[in-house]
Amino acid sequence: MLDRFRLSWRIGIEAGELRVLVGRPPVAFVHRLQECLRIHDIRTGQLECKGAGRHARLIFSRDFPQTGRQAIRNAWTPPTRPGPTSGPRRSG
């Protein structure tokens, strides 16, 4: 399966409040995201991470305001590990 299309987590924003809809985003990122939302006065939208390891990417919903997107990308630290592998090989 192509990992670049696999959803890792999704965060919804309604009335300026964060809610994790799917998965488990990094706790430190959620705290920095709350600060970015407050600074740029972002009230609605969705943010998701697709992919795994070094190939993880942030994707914003269409209704997400343009003003804070770069600040949120700067607050996000992408993983440095290559990501999950298919598992151990069988011997024999």
PDB file of N, CA and C in Angstrom:
ATOM      1  N   MET A   1       0.842  -1.182   0.000  1.00  0.00           N
ATOM      2  CA  MET A   1       0.000   0.000   0.000  1.00  0.00           C
ATOM      3  C   MET A   1       0.887   1.245   0.000  1.00  0.00           C
ATOM      4  N   LEU A   2       0.418   2.281  -0.602  1.00  0.00           N
ATOM      5  CA  LEU A   2       1.183   3.519  -0.659  1.00  0.00           C
ATOM      6  C   LEU A   2       0.991   4.307   0.630  1.00  0.00           C
ATOM      7  N   ASP A   3       2.072   4.474   1.397  1.00  0.00           N
ATOM      8  CA  ASP A   3       1.988   5.170   2.679  1.00  0.00           C
ATOM      9  C   ASP A   3       1.701   6.650   2.531  1.00  0.00           C
ATOM     10  N   ARG A   4       2.004   7.231   1.388  1.00  0.00           N
ATOM     11  CA  ARG A   4       1.805   8.675   1.247  1.00  0.00           C
ATOM     12  C   ARG A   4       0.330   9.061   1.265  1.00  0.00           C
ATOM     13  N   PHE A   5      -0.564   8.096   1.030  1.00  0.00           N
ATOM     14  CA  PHE A   5      -1.991   8.374   1.057  1.00  0.00           C
ATOM     15  C   PHE A   5      -2.644   7.946   2.366  1.00  0.00           C
ATOM     16  N   ARG A   6      -1.897   7.300   3.247  1.00  0.00           N
ATOM     17  CA  ARG A   6      -2.450   6.807   4.506  1.00  0.00           C
ATOM     18  C   ARG A   6      -2.548   7.948   5.507  1.00  0.00           C
ATOM     19  N   LEU A   7      -3.706   8.095   6.109  1.00  0.00           N
ATOM     20  CA  LEU A   7      -3.955   9.162   7.074  1.00  0.00           C
ATOM     21  C   LEU A   7      -3.343   8.793   8.422  1.00  0.00           C
ATOM     22  N   SER A   8      -2.491   9.667   8.963  1.00  0.00           N
ATOM     23  CA  SER A   8      -1.897   9.445  10.283  1.00  0.00           C
ATOM     24  C   SER A   8      -2.769  10.047  11.372  1.00  0.00           C
ATOM     25  N   TRP A   9      -3.184  11.295  11.180  1.00  0.00           N
ATOM     26  CA  TRP A   9      -4.067  11.967  12.132  1.00  0.00           C
ATOM     27  C   TRP A   9      -4.773  13.134  11.466  1.00  0.00           C
ATOM     28  N   ARG A  10      -5.880  13.556  12.094  1.00  0.00           N
ATOM     29  CA  ARG A  10      -6.657  14.696  11.590  1.00  0.00           C
ATOM     30  C   ARG A  10      -7.115  15.530  12.782  1.00  0.00           C
ATOM     31  N   ILE A  11      -6.985  16.842  12.648  1.00  0.00           N
ATOM     32  CA  ILE A  11      -7.413  17.783  13.681  1.00  0.00           C
ATOM     33  C   ILE A  11      -8.468  18.701  13.069  1.00  0.00           C
ATOM     34  N   GLY A  12      -9.588  18.854  13.767  1.00  0.00           N
ATOM     35  CA  GLY A  12     -10.635  19.772  13.338  1.00  0.00           C
ATOM     36  C   GLY A  12     -10.623  21.018  14.203  1.00  0.00           C
ATOM     37  N   ILE A  13     -10.946  22.152  13.609  1.00  0.00           N
ATOM     38  CA  ILE A  13     -10.984  23.427  14.335  1.00  0.00           C
ATOM     39  C   ILE A  13     -12.364  24.037  14.116  1.00  0.00           C
ATOM     40  N   GLU A  14     -13.094  24.230  15.202  1.00  0.00           N
ATOM     41  CA  GLU A  14     -14.409  24.871  15.145  1.00  0.00           C
ATOM     42  C   GLU A  14     -14.480  25.912  16.238  1.00  0.00           C
ATOM     43  N   ALA A  15     -14.839  27.110  15.876  1.00  0.00           N
ATOM     44  CA  ALA A  15     -14.942  28.238  16.816  1.00  0.00           C
ATOM     45  C   ALA A  15     -13.634  28.440  17.577  1.00  0.00           C
ATOM     46  N   GLY A  16     -12.511  28.188  16.917  1.00  0.00           N
ATOM     47  CA  GLY A  16     -11.207  28.394  17.527  1.00  0.00           C
ATOM     48  C   GLY A  16     -10.763  27.286  18.463  1.00  0.00           C
ATOM     49  N   GLU A  17     -11.563  26.222  18.608  1.00  0.00           N
ATOM     50  CA  GLU A  17     -11.235  25.105  19.497  1.00  0.00           C
ATOM     51  C   GLU A  17     -10.726  23.920  18.684  1.00  0.00           C
ATOM     52  N   LEU A  18      -9.651  23.303  19.177  1.00  0.00           N
ATOM     53  CA  LEU A  18      -9.083  22.125  18.527  1.00  0.00           C
ATOM     54  C   LEU A  18      -9.793  20.869  18.992  1.00  0.00           C
ATOM     55  N   ARG A  19      -9.942  19.931  18.056  1.00  0.00           N
ATOM     56  CA  ARG A  19     -10.444  18.618  18.424  1.00  0.00           C
ATOM     57  C   ARG A  19      -9.755  17.592  17.537  1.00  0.00           C
ATOM     58  N   VAL A  20      -9.150  16.588  18.164  1.00  0.00           N
ATOM     59  CA  VAL A  20      -8.501  15.526  17.408  1.00  0.00           C
ATOM     60  C   VAL A  20      -9.598  14.589  16.920  1.00  0.00           C
ATOM     61  N   LEU A  21      -9.706  14.448  15.607  1.00  0.00           N
ATOM     62  CA  LEU A  21     -10.759  13.633  15.019  1.00  0.00           C
ATOM     63  C   LEU A  21     -10.298  12.208  14.752  1.00  0.00           C
ATOM     64  N   VAL A  22      -9.055  12.055  14.308  1.00  0.00           N
ATOM     65  CA  VAL A  22      -8.517  10.744  13.964  1.00  0.00           C
ATOM     66  C   VAL A  22      -7.059  10.689  14.392  1.00  0.00           C
ATOM     67  N   GLY A  23      -6.628   9.567  14.950  1.00  0.00           N
ATOM     68  CA  GLY A  23      -5.218   9.348  15.251  1.00  0.00           C
ATOM     69  C   GLY A  23      -4.712  10.083  16.478  1.00  0.00           C
ATOM     70  N   ARG A  24      -3.376  10.157  16.574  1.00  0.00           N
ATOM     71  CA  ARG A  24      -2.713  10.793  17.706  1.00  0.00           C
ATOM     72  C   ARG A  24      -1.614  11.721  17.212  1.00  0.00           C
ATOM     73  N   PRO A  25      -1.915  12.999  17.080  1.00  0.00           N
ATOM     74  CA  PRO A  25      -0.873  13.948  16.666  1.00  0.00           C
ATOM     75  C   PRO A  25       0.128  14.169  17.797  1.00  0.00           C
ATOM     76  N   PRO A  26       1.352  14.593  17.493  1.00  0.00           N
ATOM     77  CA  PRO A  26       2.342  14.869  18.538  1.00  0.00           C
ATOM     78  C   PRO A  26       1.833  15.949  19.502  1.00  0.00           C
ATOM     79  N   VAL A  27       1.985  15.698  20.793  1.00  0.00           N
ATOM     80  CA  VAL A  27       1.471  16.608  21.822  1.00  0.00           C
ATOM     81  C   VAL A  27       2.117  17.983  21.717  1.00  0.00           C
ATOM     82  N   ALA A  28       3.422  18.033  21.502  1.00  0.00           N
ATOM     83  CA  ALA A  28       4.119  19.320  21.394  1.00  0.00           C
ATOM     84  C   ALA A  28       3.581  20.119  20.207  1.00  0.00           C
ATOM     85  N   PHE A  29       3.275  19.444  19.103  1.00  0.00           N
ATOM     86  CA  PHE A  29       2.729  20.140  17.938  1.00  0.00           C
ATOM     87  C   PHE A  29       1.345  20.709  18.236  1.00  0.00           C
ATOM     88  N   VAL A  30       0.533  19.968  18.970  1.00  0.00           N
ATOM     89  CA  VAL A  30      -0.814  20.449  19.308  1.00  0.00           C
ATOM     90  C   VAL A  30      -0.722  21.729  20.133  1.00  0.00           C
ATOM     91  N   HIS A  31       0.222  21.796  21.066  1.00  0.00           N
ATOM     92  CA  HIS A  31       0.394  23.010  21.875  1.00  0.00           C
ATOM     93  C   HIS A  31       0.842  24.193  21.014  1.00  0.00           C
ATOM     94  N   ARG A  32       1.786  23.946  20.101  1.00  0.00           N
ATOM     95  CA  ARG A  32       2.236  25.020  19.209  1.00  0.00           C
ATOM     96  C   ARG A  32       1.131  25.430  18.238  1.00  0.00           C
ATOM     97  N   LEU A  33       0.319  24.465  17.824  1.00  0.00           N
ATOM     98  CA  LEU A  33      -0.794  24.754  16.925  1.00  0.00           C
ATOM     99  C   LEU A  33      -1.821  25.663  17.601  1.00  0.00           C
ATOM    100  N   GLN A  34      -2.110  25.409  18.864  1.00  0.00           N
ATOM    101  CA  GLN A  34      -3.048  26.264  19.597  1.00  0.00           C
ATOM    102  C   GLN A  34      -2.556  27.707  19.633  1.00  0.00           C
ATOM    103  N   GLU A  35      -1.262  27.875  19.827  1.00  0.00           N
ATOM    104  CA  GLU A  35      -0.692  29.223  19.848  1.00  0.00           C
ATOM    105  C   GLU A  35      -0.801  29.895  18.472  1.00  0.00           C
ATOM    106  N   CYS A  36      -0.527  29.144  17.405  1.00  0.00           N
ATOM    107  CA  CYS A  36      -0.645  29.697  16.047  1.00  0.00           C
ATOM    108  C   CYS A  36      -2.085  30.091  15.742  1.00  0.00           C
ATOM    109  N   LEU A  37      -3.037  29.281  16.172  1.00  0.00           N
ATOM    110  CA  LEU A  37      -4.449  29.599  15.940  1.00  0.00           C
ATOM    111  C   LEU A  37      -4.839  30.882  16.652  1.00  0.00           C
ATOM    112  N   ARG A  38      -4.331  31.067  17.859  1.00  0.00           N
ATOM    113  CA  ARG A  38      -4.642  32.266  18.633  1.00  0.00           C
ATOM    114  C   ARG A  38      -4.013  33.505  17.984  1.00  0.00           C
ATOM    115  N   ILE A  39      -2.760  33.401  17.579  1.00  0.00           N
ATOM    116  CA  ILE A  39      -2.051  34.547  16.994  1.00  0.00           C
ATOM    117  C   ILE A  39      -2.696  34.986  15.678  1.00  0.00           C
ATOM    118  N   HIS A  40      -3.053  34.024  14.821  1.00  0.00           N
ATOM    119  CA  HIS A  40      -3.589  34.341  13.495  1.00  0.00           C
ATOM    120  C   HIS A  40      -5.116  34.362  13.463  1.00  0.00           C
ATOM    121  N   ASP A  41      -5.750  34.184  14.616  1.00  0.00           N
ATOM    122  CA  ASP A  41      -7.213  34.231  14.752  1.00  0.00           C
ATOM    123  C   ASP A  41      -7.899  33.291  13.759  1.00  0.00           C
ATOM    124  N   ILE A  42      -7.462  32.038  13.752  1.00  0.00           N
ATOM    125  CA  ILE A  42      -8.053  31.021  12.884  1.00  0.00           C
ATOM    126  C   ILE A  42      -9.195  30.365  13.650  1.00  0.00           C
ATOM    127  N   ARG A  43     -10.391  30.346  13.065  1.00  0.00           N
ATOM    128  CA  ARG A  43     -11.594  29.863  13.750  1.00  0.00           C
ATOM    129  C   ARG A  43     -12.111  28.539  13.202  1.00  0.00           C
ATOM    130  N   THR A  44     -11.862  28.226  11.934  1.00  0.00           N
ATOM    131  CA  THR A  44     -12.403  27.005  11.334  1.00  0.00           C
ATOM    132  C   THR A  44     -11.366  26.339  10.444  1.00  0.00           C
ATOM    133  N   GLY A  45     -11.610  25.069  10.140  1.00  0.00           N
ATOM    134  CA  GLY A  45     -10.760  24.345   9.205  1.00  0.00           C
ATOM    135  C   GLY A  45     -10.384  22.972   9.721  1.00  0.00           C
ATOM    136  N   GLN A  46      -9.680  22.238   8.891  1.00  0.00           N
ATOM    137  CA  GLN A  46      -9.157  20.931   9.264  1.00  0.00           C
ATOM    138  C   GLN A  46      -7.718  20.826   8.790  1.00  0.00           C
ATOM    139  N   LEU A  47      -6.956  20.054   9.550  1.00  0.00           N
ATOM    140  CA  LEU A  47      -5.547  19.838   9.261  1.00  0.00           C
ATOM    141  C   LEU A  47      -5.292  18.353   9.414  1.00  0.00           C
ATOM    142  N   GLU A  48      -4.611  17.751   8.444  1.00  0.00           N
ATOM    143  CA  GLU A  48      -4.325  16.327   8.557  1.00  0.00           C
ATOM    144  C   GLU A  48      -2.901  16.038   8.124  1.00  0.00           C
ATOM    145  N   CYS A  49      -2.427  14.898   8.564  1.00  0.00           N
ATOM    146  CA  CYS A  49      -1.088  14.437   8.214  1.00  0.00           C
ATOM    147  C   CYS A  49      -1.241  13.124   7.469  1.00  0.00           C
ATOM    148  N   LYS A  50      -0.699  13.081   6.267  1.00  0.00           N
ATOM    149  CA  LYS A  50      -0.722  11.849   5.487  1.00  0.00           C
ATOM    150  C   LYS A  50       0.704  11.395   5.257  1.00  0.00           C
ATOM    151  N   GLY A  51       0.890  10.087   5.234  1.00  0.00           N
ATOM    152  CA  GLY A  51       2.211   9.528   5.050  1.00  0.00           C
ATOM    153  C   GLY A  51       2.787   9.062   6.370  1.00  0.00           C
ATOM    154  N   ALA A  52       3.996   8.536   6.311  1.00  0.00           N
ATOM    155  CA  ALA A  52       4.648   8.019   7.508  1.00  0.00           C
ATOM    156  C   ALA A  52       6.132   8.350   7.457  1.00  0.00           C
ATOM    157  N   GLY A  53       6.719   8.536   8.633  1.00  0.00           N
ATOM    158  CA  GLY A  53       8.148   8.807   8.714  1.00  0.00           C
ATOM    159  C   GLY A  53       8.526  10.084   7.993  1.00  0.00           C
ATOM    160  N   ARG A  54       9.631  10.030   7.259  1.00  0.00           N
ATOM    161  CA  ARG A  54      10.123  11.209   6.537  1.00  0.00           C
ATOM    162  C   ARG A  54       9.182  11.677   5.435  1.00  0.00           C
ATOM    163  N   HIS A  55       8.263  10.824   5.041  1.00  0.00           N
ATOM    164  CA  HIS A  55       7.360  11.155   3.941  1.00  0.00           C
ATOM    165  C   HIS A  55       6.044  11.768   4.418  1.00  0.00           C
ATOM    166  N   ALA A  56       5.930  12.053   5.706  1.00  0.00           N
ATOM    167  CA  ALA A  56       4.704  12.643   6.249  1.00  0.00           C
ATOM    168  C   ALA A  56       4.542  14.074   5.748  1.00  0.00           C
ATOM    169  N   ARG A  57       3.306  14.439   5.406  1.00  0.00           N
ATOM    170  CA  ARG A  57       3.005  15.768   4.881  1.00  0.00           C
ATOM    171  C   ARG A  57       1.768  16.332   5.555  1.00  0.00           C
ATOM    172  N   LEU A  58       1.773  17.641   5.797  1.00  0.00           N
ATOM    173  CA  LEU A  58       0.597  18.329   6.325  1.00  0.00           C
ATOM    174  C   LEU A  58      -0.305  18.719   5.162  1.00  0.00           C
ATOM    175  N   ILE A  59      -1.601  18.522   5.342  1.00  0.00           N
ATOM    176  CA  ILE A  59      -2.576  18.894   4.325  1.00  0.00           C
ATOM    177  C   ILE A  59      -3.668  19.709   5.002  1.00  0.00           C
ATOM    178  N   PHE A  60      -3.959  20.876   4.437  1.00  0.00           N
ATOM    179  CA  PHE A  60      -4.965  21.780   4.982  1.00  0.00           C
ATOM    180  C   PHE A  60      -6.258  21.642   4.186  1.00  0.00           C
ATOM    181  N   SER A  61      -7.402  21.804   4.859  1.00  0.00           N
ATOM    182  CA  SER A  61      -8.687  21.791   4.160  1.00  0.00           C
ATOM    183  C   SER A  61      -8.827  23.068   3.330  1.00  0.00           C
ATOM    184  N   ARG A  62      -9.741  23.044   2.387  1.00  0.00           N
ATOM    185  CA  ARG A  62      -9.922  24.204   1.502  1.00  0.00           C
ATOM    186  C   ARG A  62     -10.400  25.432   2.254  1.00  0.00           C
ATOM    187  N   ASP A  63     -11.190  25.215   3.309  1.00  0.00           N
ATOM    188  CA  ASP A  63     -11.723  26.359   4.056  1.00  0.00           C
ATOM    189  C   ASP A  63     -10.758  26.868   5.124  1.00  0.00           C
ATOM    190  N   PHE A  64      -9.562  26.279   5.192  1.00  0.00           N
ATOM    191  CA  PHE A  64      -8.565  26.723   6.165  1.00  0.00           C
ATOM    192  C   PHE A  64      -7.983  28.055   5.686  1.00  0.00           C
ATOM    193  N   PRO A  65      -7.951  29.084   6.533  1.00  0.00           N
ATOM    194  CA  PRO A  65      -7.443  30.401   6.104  1.00  0.00           C
ATOM    195  C   PRO A  65      -5.974  30.350   5.680  1.00  0.00           C
ATOM    196  N   GLN A  66      -5.637  31.119   4.667  1.00  0.00           N
ATOM    197  CA  GLN A  66      -4.266  31.165   4.155  1.00  0.00           C
ATOM    198  C   GLN A  66      -3.299  31.833   5.134  1.00  0.00           C
ATOM    199  N   THR A  67      -3.804  32.687   6.007  1.00  0.00           N
ATOM    200  CA  THR A  67      -2.931  33.515   6.841  1.00  0.00           C
ATOM    201  C   THR A  67      -1.998  32.713   7.727  1.00  0.00           C
ATOM    202  N   GLY A  68      -2.457  31.633   8.319  1.00  0.00           N
ATOM    203  CA  GLY A  68      -1.621  30.933   9.284  1.00  0.00           C
ATOM    204  C   GLY A  68      -0.982  29.658   8.793  1.00  0.00           C
ATOM    205  N   ARG A  69      -1.164  29.306   7.547  1.00  0.00           N
ATOM    206  CA  ARG A  69      -0.638  28.024   7.052  1.00  0.00           C
ATOM    207  C   ARG A  69       0.877  27.913   7.195  1.00  0.00           C
ATOM    208  N   GLN A  70       1.608  28.945   6.807  1.00  0.00           N
ATOM    209  CA  GLN A  70       3.066  28.874   6.894  1.00  0.00           C
ATOM    210  C   GLN A  70       3.531  28.822   8.340  1.00  0.00           C
ATOM    211  N   ALA A  71       2.880  29.550   9.225  1.00  0.00           N
ATOM    212  CA  ALA A  71       3.247  29.519  10.643  1.00  0.00           C
ATOM    213  C   ALA A  71       3.043  28.123  11.217  1.00  0.00           C
ATOM    214  N   ILE A  72       1.984  27.445  10.796  1.00  0.00           N
ATOM    215  CA  ILE A  72       1.720  26.085  11.274  1.00  0.00           C
ATOM    216  C   ILE A  72       2.746  25.122  10.697  1.00  0.00           C
ATOM    217  N   ARG A  73       3.102  25.292   9.433  1.00  0.00           N
ATOM    218  CA  ARG A  73       4.148  24.436   8.851  1.00  0.00           C
ATOM    219  C   ARG A  73       5.476  24.630   9.585  1.00  0.00           C
ATOM    220  N   ASN A  74       5.766  25.862   9.993  1.00  0.00           N
ATOM    221  CA  ASN A  74       7.001  26.130  10.731  1.00  0.00           C
ATOM    222  C   ASN A  74       6.961  25.515  12.120  1.00  0.00           C
ATOM    223  N   ALA A  75       5.772  25.412  12.722  1.00  0.00           N
ATOM    224  CA  ALA A  75       5.643  24.843  14.065  1.00  0.00           C
ATOM    225  C   ALA A  75       5.735  23.321  14.046  1.00  0.00           C
ATOM    226  N   TRP A  76       5.483  22.719  12.890  1.00  0.00           N
ATOM    227  CA  TRP A  76       5.486  21.262  12.783  1.00  0.00           C
ATOM    228  C   TRP A  76       6.889  20.759  12.498  1.00  0.00           C
ATOM    229  N   THR A  77       7.336  19.793  13.276  1.00  0.00           N
ATOM    230  CA  THR A  77       8.628  19.162  13.051  1.00  0.00           C
ATOM    231  C   THR A  77       8.370  17.790  12.451  1.00  0.00           C
ATOM    232  N   PRO A  78       8.660  17.594  11.179  1.00  0.00           N
ATOM    233  CA  PRO A  78       8.396  16.287  10.576  1.00  0.00           C
ATOM    234  C   PRO A  78       9.304  15.218  11.169  1.00  0.00           C
ATOM    235  N   PRO A  79       8.839  13.975  11.192  1.00  0.00           N
ATOM    236  CA  PRO A  79       9.667  12.887  11.717  1.00  0.00           C
ATOM    237  C   PRO A  79      10.945  12.735  10.895  1.00  0.00           C
ATOM    238  N   THR A  80      12.025  12.336  11.551  1.00  0.00           N
ATOM    239  CA  THR A  80      13.293  12.146  10.850  1.00  0.00           C
ATOM    240  C   THR A  80      13.569  10.679  10.557  1.00  0.00           C
ATOM    241  N   ARG A  81      12.827   9.800  11.169  1.00  0.00           N
ATOM    242  CA  ARG A  81      13.019   8.372  10.908  1.00  0.00           C
ATOM    243  C   ARG A  81      12.372   7.998   9.584  1.00  0.00           C
ATOM    244  N   PRO A  82      12.825   6.923   8.973  1.00  0.00           N
ATOM    245  CA  PRO A  82      12.269   6.553   7.679  1.00  0.00           C
ATOM    246  C   PRO A  82      10.825   6.076   7.742  1.00  0.00           C
ATOM    247  N   GLY A  83      10.317   5.718   8.896  1.00  0.00           N
ATOM    248  CA  GLY A  83       8.938   5.262   9.003  1.00  0.00           C
ATOM    249  C   GLY A  83       8.862   3.762   9.163  1.00  0.00           C
ATOM    250  N   PRO A  84       7.648   3.238   9.240  1.00  0.00           N
ATOM    251  CA  PRO A  84       7.484   1.808   9.468  1.00  0.00           C
ATOM    252  C   PRO A  84       7.915   0.992   8.262  1.00  0.00           C
ATOM    253  N   THR A  85       8.400  -0.189   8.542  1.00  0.00           N
ATOM    254  CA  THR A  85       8.759  -1.122   7.479  1.00  0.00           C
ATOM    255  C   THR A  85       7.684  -2.196   7.423  1.00  0.00           C
ATOM    256  N   SER A  86       7.821  -3.102   6.517  1.00  0.00           N
ATOM    257  CA  SER A  86       6.799  -4.132   6.352  1.00  0.00           C
ATOM    258  C   SER A  86       6.898  -5.209   7.424  1.00  0.00           C
ATOM    259  N   GLY A  87       7.936  -5.178   8.244  1.00  0.00           N
ATOM    260  CA  GLY A  87       8.074  -6.163   9.313  1.00  0.00           C
ATOM    261  C   GLY A  87       9.319  -7.004   9.128  1.00  0.00           C
ATOM    262  N   PRO A  88       9.586  -7.854  10.099  1.00  0.00           N
ATOM    263  CA  PRO A  88      10.800  -8.682  10.006  1.00  0.00           C
ATOM    264  C   PRO A  88      10.674  -9.731   8.898  1.00  0.00           C
ATOM    265  N   ARG A  89      11.810 -10.061   8.309  1.00  0.00           N
ATOM    266  CA  ARG A  89      11.809 -11.089   7.264  1.00  0.00           C
ATOM    267  C   ARG A  89      11.854 -12.470   7.900  1.00  0.00           C
ATOM    268  N   ARG A  90      11.230 -13.366   7.242  1.00  0.00           N
ATOM    269  CA  ARG A  90      11.246 -14.747   7.732  1.00  0.00           C
ATOM    270  C   ARG A  90      12.563 -15.399   7.353  1.00  0.00           C
ATOM    271  N   SER A  91      13.054 -16.224   8.231  1.00  0.00           N
ATOM    272  CA  SER A  91      14.292 -16.942   7.915  1.00  0.00           C
ATOM    273  C   SER A  91      13.945 -18.221   7.165  1.00  0.00           C
ATOM    274  N   GLY A  92      14.855 -18.623   6.311  1.00  0.00           N
ATOM    275  CA  GLY A  92      14.654 -19.904   5.647  1.00  0.00           C
ATOM    276  C   GLY A  92      14.443 -19.797   4.255  1.00  0.00           C
TER     277      GLY A  92
END
